Amino acid sequence: MKYTVLAIAVLLVATCAFAGDVDGKWAGTIPGMDIPVSYTFKAEGTTLTGTSSGPDNTTVPIKDGKIDGNKISFTVTFDMGGQEMKLEYKGVVSPDQIKLTFDMMGQITEIPLKKAK
């Protein structure tokens, strides 16, 4: 029993420490479109907050951000010529990159992000 509690405690600490690796600015390019994008993330427990910005450097807040181990998810809502568009992102965080995916009108797109300097 003592070792089980210890193992769970170590796992929780490791998960929280890993989740912190998402903090900071990440940048990439949408493949096939060559559109530069960047995200600034802040992890607080299992909550993810931050902003997204595109080529015009306009920032949009991320909403509904969640962290589950090395997985993140969030939404971004922006205006497309008077039409509100909501994109749902899912990502996998590793020490040197985040692989984000989003679905835009049935087209799944993956964006590899690297930590910006």
PDB file of N, CA and C in Angstrom:
ATOM      1  N   MET A   1       0.833  -1.197   0.000  1.00  0.00           N
ATOM      2  CA  MET A   1       0.000   0.000   0.000  1.00  0.00           C
ATOM      3  C   MET A   1       0.871   1.252   0.000  1.00  0.00           C
ATOM      4  N   LYS A   2       1.919   1.228   0.812  1.00  0.00           N
ATOM      5  CA  LYS A   2       2.816   2.376   0.928  1.00  0.00           C
ATOM      6  C   LYS A   2       3.464   2.691  -0.418  1.00  0.00           C
ATOM      7  N   TYR A   3       3.855   1.632  -1.144  1.00  0.00           N
ATOM      8  CA  TYR A   3       4.502   1.837  -2.439  1.00  0.00           C
ATOM      9  C   TYR A   3       3.504   2.314  -3.499  1.00  0.00           C
ATOM     10  N   THR A   4       2.267   1.888  -3.393  1.00  0.00           N
ATOM     11  CA  THR A   4       1.240   2.331  -4.328  1.00  0.00           C
ATOM     12  C   THR A   4       1.002   3.827  -4.187  1.00  0.00           C
ATOM     13  N   VAL A   5       0.891   4.306  -2.962  1.00  0.00           N
ATOM     14  CA  VAL A   5       0.693   5.736  -2.714  1.00  0.00           C
ATOM     15  C   VAL A   5       1.894   6.522  -3.230  1.00  0.00           C
ATOM     16  N   LEU A   6       3.085   6.020  -2.994  1.00  0.00           N
ATOM     17  CA  LEU A   6       4.307   6.676  -3.462  1.00  0.00           C
ATOM     18  C   LEU A   6       4.334   6.730  -4.994  1.00  0.00           C
ATOM     19  N   ALA A   7       3.966   5.620  -5.639  1.00  0.00           N
ATOM     20  CA  ALA A   7       3.959   5.574  -7.106  1.00  0.00           C
ATOM     21  C   ALA A   7       2.957   6.573  -7.673  1.00  0.00           C
ATOM     22  N   ILE A   8       1.787   6.676  -7.064  1.00  0.00           N
ATOM     23  CA  ILE A   8       0.773   7.625  -7.531  1.00  0.00           C
ATOM     24  C   ILE A   8       1.269   9.058  -7.344  1.00  0.00           C
ATOM     25  N   ALA A   9       1.895   9.339  -6.215  1.00  0.00           N
ATOM     26  CA  ALA A   9       2.419  10.682  -5.951  1.00  0.00           C
ATOM     27  C   ALA A   9       3.479  11.064  -6.979  1.00  0.00           C
ATOM     28  N   VAL A  10       4.386  10.139  -7.290  1.00  0.00           N
ATOM     29  CA  VAL A  10       5.438  10.398  -8.282  1.00  0.00           C
ATOM     30  C   VAL A  10       4.812  10.644  -9.654  1.00  0.00           C
ATOM     31  N   LEU A  11       3.811   9.858 -10.003  1.00  0.00           N
ATOM     32  CA  LEU A  11       3.135  10.016 -11.289  1.00  0.00           C
ATOM     33  C   LEU A  11       2.452  11.384 -11.386  1.00  0.00           C
ATOM     34  N   LEU A  12       1.786  11.804 -10.330  1.00  0.00           N
ATOM     35  CA  LEU A  12       1.124  13.115 -10.332  1.00  0.00           C
ATOM     36  C   LEU A  12       2.125  14.253 -10.465  1.00  0.00           C
ATOM     37  N   VAL A  13       3.232  14.166  -9.751  1.00  0.00           N
ATOM     38  CA  VAL A  13       4.263  15.201  -9.838  1.00  0.00           C
ATOM     39  C   VAL A  13       4.857  15.232 -11.239  1.00  0.00           C
ATOM     40  N   ALA A  14       5.122  14.067 -11.808  1.00  0.00           N
ATOM     41  CA  ALA A  14       5.693  14.004 -13.160  1.00  0.00           C
ATOM     42  C   ALA A  14       4.727  14.577 -14.180  1.00  0.00           C
ATOM     43  N   THR A  15       3.437  14.281 -14.033  1.00  0.00           N
ATOM     44  CA  THR A  15       2.430  14.815 -14.960  1.00  0.00           C
ATOM     45  C   THR A  15       2.366  16.329 -14.873  1.00  0.00           C
ATOM     46  N   CYS A  16       2.356  16.868 -13.671  1.00  0.00           N
ATOM     47  CA  CYS A  16       2.318  18.326 -13.505  1.00  0.00           C
ATOM     48  C   CYS A  16       3.572  18.977 -14.050  1.00  0.00           C
ATOM     49  N   ALA A  17       4.720  18.370 -13.815  1.00  0.00           N
ATOM     50  CA  ALA A  17       5.979  18.925 -14.320  1.00  0.00           C
ATOM     51  C   ALA A  17       5.998  18.910 -15.837  1.00  0.00           C
ATOM     52  N   PHE A  18       5.499  17.815 -16.439  1.00  0.00           N
ATOM     53  CA  PHE A  18       5.491  17.726 -17.889  1.00  0.00           C
ATOM     54  C   PHE A  18       4.531  18.746 -18.482  1.00  0.00           C
ATOM     55  N   ALA A  19       3.382  18.907 -17.849  1.00  0.00           N
ATOM     56  CA  ALA A  19       2.393  19.863 -18.350  1.00  0.00           C
ATOM     57  C   ALA A  19       2.973  21.267 -18.380  1.00  0.00           C
ATOM     58  N   GLY A  20       3.868  21.595 -17.455  1.00  0.00           N
ATOM     59  CA  GLY A  20       4.487  22.902 -17.419  1.00  0.00           C
ATOM     60  C   GLY A  20       5.353  23.185 -18.632  1.00  0.00           C
ATOM     61  N   ASP A  21       5.794  22.137 -19.331  1.00  0.00           N
ATOM     62  CA  ASP A  21       6.628  22.306 -20.513  1.00  0.00           C
ATOM     63  C   ASP A  21       5.902  23.019 -21.646  1.00  0.00           C
ATOM     64  N   VAL A  22       4.598  23.135 -21.569  1.00  0.00           N
ATOM     65  CA  VAL A  22       3.834  23.800 -22.612  1.00  0.00           C
ATOM     66  C   VAL A  22       3.924  25.324 -22.472  1.00  0.00           C
ATOM     67  N   ASP A  23       4.306  25.814 -21.301  1.00  0.00           N
ATOM     68  CA  ASP A  23       4.381  27.262 -21.062  1.00  0.00           C
ATOM     69  C   ASP A  23       5.320  27.955 -22.049  1.00  0.00           C
ATOM     70  N   GLY A  24       4.878  29.117 -22.533  1.00  0.00           N
ATOM     71  CA  GLY A  24       5.735  29.919 -23.409  1.00  0.00           C
ATOM     72  C   GLY A  24       5.146  30.064 -24.796  1.00  0.00           C
ATOM     73  N   LYS A  25       5.975  30.591 -25.692  1.00  0.00           N
ATOM     74  CA  LYS A  25       5.545  30.850 -27.064  1.00  0.00           C
ATOM     75  C   LYS A  25       6.007  29.721 -27.980  1.00  0.00           C
ATOM     76  N   TRP A  26       5.088  29.251 -28.803  1.00  0.00           N
ATOM     77  CA  TRP A  26       5.344  28.186 -29.772  1.00  0.00           C
ATOM     78  C   TRP A  26       4.971  28.702 -31.158  1.00  0.00           C
ATOM     79  N   ALA A  27       5.737  28.348 -32.173  1.00  0.00           N
ATOM     80  CA  ALA A  27       5.477  28.838 -33.524  1.00  0.00           C
ATOM     81  C   ALA A  27       5.603  27.723 -34.549  1.00  0.00           C
ATOM     82  N   GLY A  28       4.885  27.889 -35.646  1.00  0.00           N
ATOM     83  CA  GLY A  28       4.939  26.928 -36.737  1.00  0.00           C
ATOM     84  C   GLY A  28       4.300  27.514 -37.978  1.00  0.00           C
ATOM     85  N   THR A  29       4.128  26.664 -38.972  1.00  0.00           N
ATOM     86  CA  THR A  29       3.532  27.058 -40.241  1.00  0.00           C
ATOM     87  C   THR A  29       2.487  26.014 -40.613  1.00  0.00           C
ATOM     88  N   ILE A  30       1.318  26.472 -41.037  1.00  0.00           N
ATOM     89  CA  ILE A  30       0.292  25.525 -41.476  1.00  0.00           C
ATOM     90  C   ILE A  30       0.774  24.894 -42.779  1.00  0.00           C
ATOM     91  N   PRO A  31       1.001  23.570 -42.773  1.00  0.00           N
ATOM     92  CA  PRO A  31       1.520  22.889 -43.966  1.00  0.00           C
ATOM     93  C   PRO A  31       0.595  23.058 -45.174  1.00  0.00           C
ATOM     94  N   GLY A  32       1.211  23.214 -46.342  1.00  0.00           N
ATOM     95  CA  GLY A  32       0.459  23.346 -47.585  1.00  0.00           C
ATOM     96  C   GLY A  32      -0.071  24.745 -47.832  1.00  0.00           C
ATOM     97  N   MET A  33      -0.093  25.576 -46.801  1.00  0.00           N
ATOM     98  CA  MET A  33      -0.593  26.938 -46.955  1.00  0.00           C
ATOM     99  C   MET A  33       0.498  27.957 -46.652  1.00  0.00           C
ATOM    100  N   ASP A  34       1.565  27.506 -46.038  1.00  0.00           N
ATOM    101  CA  ASP A  34       2.679  28.369 -45.644  1.00  0.00           C
ATOM    102  C   ASP A  34       2.213  29.605 -44.866  1.00  0.00           C
ATOM    103  N   ILE A  35       1.254  29.402 -43.969  1.00  0.00           N
ATOM    104  CA  ILE A  35       0.748  30.479 -43.128  1.00  0.00           C
ATOM    105  C   ILE A  35       1.401  30.361 -41.754  1.00  0.00           C
ATOM    106  N   PRO A  36       2.193  31.368 -41.355  1.00  0.00           N
ATOM    107  CA  PRO A  36       2.821  31.306 -40.036  1.00  0.00           C
ATOM    108  C   PRO A  36       1.791  31.533 -38.925  1.00  0.00           C
ATOM    109  N   VAL A  37       1.919  30.750 -37.864  1.00  0.00           N
ATOM    110  CA  VAL A  37       1.047  30.873 -36.696  1.00  0.00           C
ATOM    111  C   VAL A  37       1.890  30.779 -35.442  1.00  0.00           C
ATOM    112  N   SER A  38       1.387  31.371 -34.365  1.00  0.00           N
ATOM    113  CA  SER A  38       2.082  31.217 -33.085  1.00  0.00           C
ATOM    114  C   SER A  38       1.047  31.158 -31.972  1.00  0.00           C
ATOM    115  N   TYR A  39       1.441  30.530 -30.894  1.00  0.00           N
ATOM    116  CA  TYR A  39       0.584  30.347 -29.735  1.00  0.00           C
ATOM    117  C   TYR A  39       1.417  30.640 -28.499  1.00  0.00           C
ATOM    118  N   THR A  40       0.815  31.298 -27.539  1.00  0.00           N
ATOM    119  CA  THR A  40       1.445  31.507 -26.247  1.00  0.00           C
ATOM    120  C   THR A  40       0.569  30.787 -25.231  1.00  0.00           C
ATOM    121  N   PHE A  41       1.174  29.822 -24.526  1.00  0.00           N
ATOM    122  CA  PHE A  41       0.434  28.990 -23.586  1.00  0.00           C
ATOM    123  C   PHE A  41       0.891  29.216 -22.161  1.00  0.00           C
ATOM    124  N   LYS A  42      -0.042  29.036 -21.238  1.00  0.00           N
ATOM    125  CA  LYS A  42       0.248  29.060 -19.805  1.00  0.00           C
ATOM    126  C   LYS A  42      -0.567  27.942 -19.165  1.00  0.00           C
ATOM    127  N   ALA A  43       0.138  27.018 -18.508  1.00  0.00           N
ATOM    128  CA  ALA A  43      -0.513  25.903 -17.823  1.00  0.00           C
ATOM    129  C   ALA A  43      -0.690  26.238 -16.353  1.00  0.00           C
ATOM    130  N   GLU A  44      -1.885  25.990 -15.847  1.00  0.00           N
ATOM    131  CA  GLU A  44      -2.171  26.130 -14.420  1.00  0.00           C
ATOM    132  C   GLU A  44      -2.967  24.902 -14.015  1.00  0.00           C
ATOM    133  N   GLY A  45      -2.262  23.907 -13.467  1.00  0.00           N
ATOM    134  CA  GLY A  45      -2.912  22.641 -13.152  1.00  0.00           C
ATOM    135  C   GLY A  45      -3.351  21.977 -14.439  1.00  0.00           C
ATOM    136  N   THR A  46      -4.640  21.691 -14.555  1.00  0.00           N
ATOM    137  CA  THR A  46      -5.166  21.062 -15.773  1.00  0.00           C
ATOM    138  C   THR A  46      -5.816  22.076 -16.711  1.00  0.00           C
ATOM    139  N   THR A  47      -5.621  23.370 -16.413  1.00  0.00           N
ATOM    140  CA  THR A  47      -6.201  24.436 -17.241  1.00  0.00           C
ATOM    141  C   THR A  47      -5.127  25.057 -18.121  1.00  0.00           C
ATOM    142  N   LEU A  48      -5.457  25.248 -19.390  1.00  0.00           N
ATOM    143  CA  LEU A  48      -4.558  25.870 -20.349  1.00  0.00           C
ATOM    144  C   LEU A  48      -5.157  27.199 -20.781  1.00  0.00           C
ATOM    145  N   THR A  49      -4.376  28.272 -20.681  1.00  0.00           N
ATOM    146  CA  THR A  49      -4.807  29.582 -21.150  1.00  0.00           C
ATOM    147  C   THR A  49      -3.765  30.101 -22.130  1.00  0.00           C
ATOM    148  N   GLY A  50      -4.080  31.207 -22.798  1.00  0.00           N
ATOM    149  CA  GLY A  50      -3.108  31.797 -23.705  1.00  0.00           C
ATOM    150  C   GLY A  50      -3.756  32.479 -24.880  1.00  0.00           C
ATOM    151  N   THR A  51      -2.959  32.672 -25.930  1.00  0.00           N
ATOM    152  CA  THR A  51      -3.425  33.352 -27.132  1.00  0.00           C
ATOM    153  C   THR A  51      -2.906  32.650 -28.376  1.00  0.00           C
ATOM    154  N   SER A  52      -3.548  32.956 -29.486  1.00  0.00           N
ATOM    155  CA  SER A  52      -3.149  32.474 -30.803  1.00  0.00           C
ATOM    156  C   SER A  52      -2.977  33.695 -31.688  1.00  0.00           C
ATOM    157  N   SER A  53      -2.007  33.646 -32.590  1.00  0.00           N
ATOM    158  CA  SER A  53      -1.879  34.742 -33.553  1.00  0.00           C
ATOM    159  C   SER A  53      -1.449  34.200 -34.909  1.00  0.00           C
ATOM    160  N   GLY A  54      -1.895  34.903 -35.940  1.00  0.00           N
ATOM    161  CA  GLY A  54      -1.597  34.510 -37.308  1.00  0.00           C
ATOM    162  C   GLY A  54      -0.625  35.468 -37.956  1.00  0.00           C
ATOM    163  N   PRO A  55      -0.594  35.480 -39.288  1.00  0.00           N
ATOM    164  CA  PRO A  55       0.382  36.298 -40.008  1.00  0.00           C
ATOM    165  C   PRO A  55       0.227  37.802 -39.795  1.00  0.00           C
ATOM    166  N   ASP A  56      -0.971  38.257 -39.428  1.00  0.00           N
ATOM    167  CA  ASP A  56      -1.173  39.696 -39.210  1.00  0.00           C
ATOM    168  C   ASP A  56      -0.871  40.106 -37.761  1.00  0.00           C
ATOM    169  N   ASN A  57      -0.415  39.150 -36.948  1.00  0.00           N
ATOM    170  CA  ASN A  57      -0.051  39.358 -35.535  1.00  0.00           C
ATOM    171  C   ASN A  57      -1.218  39.771 -34.639  1.00  0.00           C
ATOM    172  N   THR A  58      -2.450  39.622 -35.103  1.00  0.00           N
ATOM    173  CA  THR A  58      -3.609  39.858 -34.250  1.00  0.00           C
ATOM    174  C   THR A  58      -3.733  38.679 -33.296  1.00  0.00           C
ATOM    175  N   THR A  59      -3.870  38.962 -32.003  1.00  0.00           N
ATOM    176  CA  THR A  59      -3.979  37.871 -31.039  1.00  0.00           C
ATOM    177  C   THR A  59      -5.442  37.597 -30.704  1.00  0.00           C
ATOM    178  N   VAL A  60      -5.724  36.331 -30.537  1.00  0.00           N
ATOM    179  CA  VAL A  60      -7.061  35.857 -30.178  1.00  0.00           C
ATOM    180  C   VAL A  60      -6.891  34.955 -28.967  1.00  0.00           C
ATOM    181  N   PRO A  61      -7.699  35.162 -27.917  1.00  0.00           N
ATOM    182  CA  PRO A  61      -7.554  34.305 -26.734  1.00  0.00           C
ATOM    183  C   PRO A  61      -8.002  32.875 -27.015  1.00  0.00           C
ATOM    184  N   ILE A  62      -7.288  31.915 -26.436  1.00  0.00           N
ATOM    185  CA  ILE A  62      -7.750  30.538 -26.514  1.00  0.00           C
ATOM    186  C   ILE A  62      -8.767  30.348 -25.392  1.00  0.00           C
ATOM    187  N   LYS A  63      -9.733  29.471 -25.637  1.00  0.00           N
ATOM    188  CA  LYS A  63     -10.795  29.219 -24.673  1.00  0.00           C
ATOM    189  C   LYS A  63     -10.907  27.726 -24.420  1.00  0.00           C
ATOM    190  N   ASP A  64     -11.533  27.393 -23.306  1.00  0.00           N
ATOM    191  CA  ASP A  64     -11.808  25.992 -22.964  1.00  0.00           C
ATOM    192  C   ASP A  64     -10.537  25.139 -22.958  1.00  0.00           C
ATOM    193  N   GLY A  65      -9.411  25.728 -22.582  1.00  0.00           N
ATOM    194  CA  GLY A  65      -8.137  25.014 -22.603  1.00  0.00           C
ATOM    195  C   GLY A  65      -8.034  23.974 -21.499  1.00  0.00           C
ATOM    196  N   LYS A  66      -7.567  22.783 -21.892  1.00  0.00           N
ATOM    197  CA  LYS A  66      -7.418  21.689 -20.937  1.00  0.00           C
ATOM    198  C   LYS A  66      -6.089  20.980 -21.166  1.00  0.00           C
ATOM    199  N   ILE A  67      -5.556  20.435 -20.075  1.00  0.00           N
ATOM    200  CA  ILE A  67      -4.331  19.641 -20.128  1.00  0.00           C
ATOM    201  C   ILE A  67      -4.625  18.302 -19.481  1.00  0.00           C
ATOM    202  N   ASP A  68      -4.262  17.230 -20.168  1.00  0.00           N
ATOM    203  CA  ASP A  68      -4.433  15.878 -19.636  1.00  0.00           C
ATOM    204  C   ASP A  68      -3.150  15.114 -19.938  1.00  0.00           C
ATOM    205  N   GLY A  69      -2.215  15.135 -18.979  1.00  0.00           N
ATOM    206  CA  GLY A  69      -0.911  14.521 -19.215  1.00  0.00           C
ATOM    207  C   GLY A  69      -0.163  15.296 -20.274  1.00  0.00           C
ATOM    208  N   ASN A  70       0.172  14.633 -21.388  1.00  0.00           N
ATOM    209  CA  ASN A  70       0.870  15.316 -22.475  1.00  0.00           C
ATOM    210  C   ASN A  70      -0.084  15.756 -23.586  1.00  0.00           C
ATOM    211  N   LYS A  71      -1.391  15.703 -23.323  1.00  0.00           N
ATOM    212  CA  LYS A  71      -2.382  16.112 -24.319  1.00  0.00           C
ATOM    213  C   LYS A  71      -2.990  17.445 -23.914  1.00  0.00           C
ATOM    214  N   ILE A  72      -3.182  18.307 -24.922  1.00  0.00           N
ATOM    215  CA  ILE A  72      -3.836  19.593 -24.696  1.00  0.00           C
ATOM    216  C   ILE A  72      -5.011  19.726 -25.661  1.00  0.00           C
ATOM    217  N   SER A  73      -5.965  20.560 -25.279  1.00  0.00           N
ATOM    218  CA  SER A  73      -7.071  20.882 -26.177  1.00  0.00           C
ATOM    219  C   SER A  73      -7.549  22.288 -25.845  1.00  0.00           C
ATOM    220  N   PHE A  74      -8.045  22.982 -26.857  1.00  0.00           N
ATOM    221  CA  PHE A  74      -8.564  24.335 -26.673  1.00  0.00           C
ATOM    222  C   PHE A  74      -9.324  24.744 -27.923  1.00  0.00           C
ATOM    223  N   THR A  75     -10.050  25.844 -27.820  1.00  0.00           N
ATOM    224  CA  THR A  75     -10.759  26.386 -28.977  1.00  0.00           C
ATOM    225  C   THR A  75     -10.311  27.823 -29.220  1.00  0.00           C
ATOM    226  N   VAL A  76     -10.446  28.249 -30.458  1.00  0.00           N
ATOM    227  CA  VAL A  76     -10.175  29.625 -30.860  1.00  0.00           C
ATOM    228  C   VAL A  76     -11.357  30.064 -31.723  1.00  0.00           C
ATOM    229  N   THR A  77     -11.908  31.209 -31.395  1.00  0.00           N
ATOM    230  CA  THR A  77     -13.023  31.758 -32.165  1.00  0.00           C
ATOM    231  C   THR A  77     -12.575  33.076 -32.784  1.00  0.00           C
ATOM    232  N   PHE A  78     -12.786  33.205 -34.097  1.00  0.00           N
ATOM    233  CA  PHE A  78     -12.395  34.442 -34.765  1.00  0.00           C
ATOM    234  C   PHE A  78     -13.434  34.829 -35.807  1.00  0.00           C
ATOM    235  N   ASP A  79     -13.337  36.057 -36.275  1.00  0.00           N
ATOM    236  CA  ASP A  79     -14.279  36.618 -37.232  1.00  0.00           C
ATOM    237  C   ASP A  79     -13.741  36.435 -38.648  1.00  0.00           C
ATOM    238  N   MET A  80     -14.543  35.824 -39.512  1.00  0.00           N
ATOM    239  CA  MET A  80     -14.177  35.658 -40.923  1.00  0.00           C
ATOM    240  C   MET A  80     -15.190  36.432 -41.757  1.00  0.00           C
ATOM    241  N   GLY A  81     -14.946  37.713 -41.943  1.00  0.00           N
ATOM    242  CA  GLY A  81     -15.834  38.538 -42.756  1.00  0.00           C
ATOM    243  C   GLY A  81     -17.251  38.613 -42.208  1.00  0.00           C
ATOM    244  N   GLY A  82     -17.378  38.774 -40.915  1.00  0.00           N
ATOM    245  CA  GLY A  82     -18.692  38.861 -40.301  1.00  0.00           C
ATOM    246  C   GLY A  82     -19.254  37.527 -39.827  1.00  0.00           C
ATOM    247  N   GLN A  83     -18.615  36.436 -40.202  1.00  0.00           N
ATOM    248  CA  GLN A  83     -19.017  35.104 -39.768  1.00  0.00           C
ATOM    249  C   GLN A  83     -18.101  34.650 -38.640  1.00  0.00           C
ATOM    250  N   GLU A  84     -18.685  34.193 -37.550  1.00  0.00           N
ATOM    251  CA  GLU A  84     -17.877  33.661 -36.457  1.00  0.00           C
ATOM    252  C   GLU A  84     -17.448  32.237 -36.796  1.00  0.00           C
ATOM    253  N   MET A  85     -16.160  31.972 -36.664  1.00  0.00           N
ATOM    254  CA  MET A  85     -15.633  30.634 -36.919  1.00  0.00           C
ATOM    255  C   MET A  85     -14.939  30.136 -35.661  1.00  0.00           C
ATOM    256  N   LYS A  86     -15.295  28.931 -35.246  1.00  0.00           N
ATOM    257  CA  LYS A  86     -14.706  28.324 -34.054  1.00  0.00           C
ATOM    258  C   LYS A  86     -13.911  27.089 -34.472  1.00  0.00           C
ATOM    259  N   LEU A  87     -12.632  27.090 -34.108  1.00  0.00           N
ATOM    260  CA  LEU A  87     -11.773  25.945 -34.395  1.00  0.00           C
ATOM    261  C   LEU A  87     -11.450  25.227 -33.094  1.00  0.00           C
ATOM    262  N   GLU A  88     -11.536  23.914 -33.121  1.00  0.00           N
ATOM    263  CA  GLU A  88     -11.194  23.100 -31.969  1.00  0.00           C
ATOM    264  C   GLU A  88      -9.849  22.433 -32.234  1.00  0.00           C
ATOM    265  N   TYR A  89      -8.905  22.681 -31.343  1.00  0.00           N
ATOM    266  CA  TYR A  89      -7.559  22.151 -31.469  1.00  0.00           C
ATOM    267  C   TYR A  89      -7.334  21.026 -30.467  1.00  0.00           C
ATOM    268  N   LYS A  90      -6.540  20.056 -30.871  1.00  0.00           N
ATOM    269  CA  LYS A  90      -6.046  19.006 -29.983  1.00  0.00           C
ATOM    270  C   LYS A  90      -4.563  18.895 -30.258  1.00  0.00           C
ATOM    271  N   GLY A  91      -3.785  18.614 -29.213  1.00  0.00           N
ATOM    272  CA  GLY A  91      -2.346  18.526 -29.420  1.00  0.00           C
ATOM    273  C   GLY A  91      -1.679  17.544 -28.485  1.00  0.00           C
ATOM    274  N   VAL A  92      -0.502  17.131 -28.901  1.00  0.00           N
ATOM    275  CA  VAL A  92       0.346  16.261 -28.094  1.00  0.00           C
ATOM    276  C   VAL A  92       1.659  17.002 -27.872  1.00  0.00           C
ATOM    277  N   VAL A  93       2.018  17.162 -26.606  1.00  0.00           N
ATOM    278  CA  VAL A  93       3.213  17.910 -26.220  1.00  0.00           C
ATOM    279  C   VAL A  93       4.359  16.941 -25.979  1.00  0.00           C
ATOM    280  N   SER A  94       5.495  17.234 -26.596  1.00  0.00           N
ATOM    281  CA  SER A  94       6.735  16.516 -26.302  1.00  0.00           C
ATOM    282  C   SER A  94       7.764  17.582 -25.924  1.00  0.00           C
ATOM    283  N   PRO A  95       8.913  17.185 -25.406  1.00  0.00           N
ATOM    284  CA  PRO A  95       9.872  18.205 -24.948  1.00  0.00           C
ATOM    285  C   PRO A  95      10.283  19.226 -26.016  1.00  0.00           C
ATOM    286  N   ASP A  96      10.344  18.821 -27.283  1.00  0.00           N
ATOM    287  CA  ASP A  96      10.836  19.744 -28.299  1.00  0.00           C
ATOM    288  C   ASP A  96       9.794  20.209 -29.307  1.00  0.00           C
ATOM    289  N   GLN A  97       8.547  19.703 -29.204  1.00  0.00           N
ATOM    290  CA  GLN A  97       7.522  20.163 -30.137  1.00  0.00           C
ATOM    291  C   GLN A  97       6.114  19.872 -29.616  1.00  0.00           C
ATOM    292  N   ILE A  98       5.159  20.539 -30.237  1.00  0.00           N
ATOM    293  CA  ILE A  98       3.744  20.250 -30.012  1.00  0.00           C
ATOM    294  C   ILE A  98       3.155  19.945 -31.381  1.00  0.00           C
ATOM    295  N   LYS A  99       2.460  18.825 -31.492  1.00  0.00           N
ATOM    296  CA  LYS A  99       1.752  18.501 -32.730  1.00  0.00           C
ATOM    297  C   LYS A  99       0.289  18.836 -32.512  1.00  0.00           C
ATOM    298  N   LEU A 100      -0.150  19.944 -33.102  1.00  0.00           N
ATOM    299  CA  LEU A 100      -1.539  20.381 -33.002  1.00  0.00           C
ATOM    300  C   LEU A 100      -2.313  19.875 -34.201  1.00  0.00           C
ATOM    301  N   THR A 101      -3.564  19.531 -33.998  1.00  0.00           N
ATOM    302  CA  THR A 101      -4.460  19.223 -35.112  1.00  0.00           C
ATOM    303  C   THR A 101      -5.736  20.026 -34.934  1.00  0.00           C
ATOM    304  N   PHE A 102      -6.343  20.387 -36.053  1.00  0.00           N
ATOM    305  CA  PHE A 102      -7.650  21.027 -36.028  1.00  0.00           C
ATOM    306  C   PHE A 102      -8.438  20.589 -37.250  1.00  0.00           C
ATOM    307  N   ASP A 103      -9.748  20.645 -37.126  1.00  0.00           N
ATOM    308  CA  ASP A 103     -10.660  20.242 -38.192  1.00  0.00           C
ATOM    309  C   ASP A 103     -11.317  21.496 -38.749  1.00  0.00           C
ATOM    310  N   MET A 104     -11.059  21.764 -40.031  1.00  0.00           N
ATOM    311  CA  MET A 104     -11.685  22.916 -40.685  1.00  0.00           C
ATOM    312  C   MET A 104     -12.511  22.395 -41.850  1.00  0.00           C
ATOM    313  N   MET A 105     -13.822  22.408 -41.666  1.00  0.00           N
ATOM    314  CA  MET A 105     -14.760  21.952 -42.691  1.00  0.00           C
ATOM    315  C   MET A 105     -14.441  20.533 -43.173  1.00  0.00           C
ATOM    316  N   GLY A 106     -14.175  19.637 -42.236  1.00  0.00           N
ATOM    317  CA  GLY A 106     -13.914  18.239 -42.569  1.00  0.00           C
ATOM    318  C   GLY A 106     -12.484  17.924 -42.954  1.00  0.00           C
ATOM    319  N   GLN A 107     -11.648  18.923 -43.039  1.00  0.00           N
ATOM    320  CA  GLN A 107     -10.240  18.725 -43.395  1.00  0.00           C
ATOM    321  C   GLN A 107      -9.396  18.786 -42.125  1.00  0.00           C
ATOM    322  N   ILE A 108      -8.811  17.650 -41.722  1.00  0.00           N
ATOM    323  CA  ILE A 108      -7.946  17.606 -40.544  1.00  0.00           C
ATOM    324  C   ILE A 108      -6.559  18.104 -40.950  1.00  0.00           C
ATOM    325  N   THR A 109      -6.062  19.071 -40.210  1.00  0.00           N
ATOM    326  CA  THR A 109      -4.750  19.643 -40.491  1.00  0.00           C
ATOM    327  C   THR A 109      -3.880  19.529 -39.256  1.00  0.00           C
ATOM    328  N   GLU A 110      -2.644  19.108 -39.450  1.00  0.00           N
ATOM    329  CA  GLU A 110      -1.681  19.028 -38.347  1.00  0.00           C
ATOM    330  C   GLU A 110      -0.667  20.165 -38.483  1.00  0.00           C
ATOM    331  N   ILE A 111      -0.416  20.831 -37.362  1.00  0.00           N
ATOM    332  CA  ILE A 111       0.567  21.913 -37.335  1.00  0.00           C
ATOM    333  C   ILE A 111       1.659  21.531 -36.339  1.00  0.00           C
ATOM    334  N   PRO A 112       2.860  21.271 -36.829  1.00  0.00           N
ATOM    335  CA  PRO A 112       3.960  21.048 -35.892  1.00  0.00           C
ATOM    336  C   PRO A 112       4.490  22.380 -35.361  1.00  0.00           C
ATOM    337  N   LEU A 113       4.571  22.504 -34.048  1.00  0.00           N
ATOM    338  CA  LEU A 113       5.058  23.732 -33.421  1.00  0.00           C
ATOM    339  C   LEU A 113       6.381  23.492 -32.718  1.00  0.00           C
ATOM    340  N   LYS A 114       7.244  24.466 -32.775  1.00  0.00           N
ATOM    341  CA  LYS A 114       8.516  24.443 -32.055  1.00  0.00           C
ATOM    342  C   LYS A 114       8.528  25.602 -31.065  1.00  0.00           C
ATOM    343  N   LYS A 115       9.247  25.435 -29.983  1.00  0.00           N
ATOM    344  CA  LYS A 115       9.357  26.485 -28.971  1.00  0.00           C
ATOM    345  C   LYS A 115      10.048  27.686 -29.614  1.00  0.00           C
ATOM    346  N   ALA A 116       9.414  28.854 -29.523  1.00  0.00           N
ATOM    347  CA  ALA A 116       9.976  30.076 -30.103  1.00  0.00           C
ATOM    348  C   ALA A 116      11.011  30.664 -29.137  1.00  0.00           C
ATOM    349  N   LYS A 117      11.999  31.317 -29.695  1.00  0.00           N
ATOM    350  CA  LYS A 117      13.056  31.913 -28.864  1.00  0.00           C
ATOM    351  C   LYS A 117      12.822  33.380 -28.681  1.00  0.00           C
TER     352      LYS A 117
END
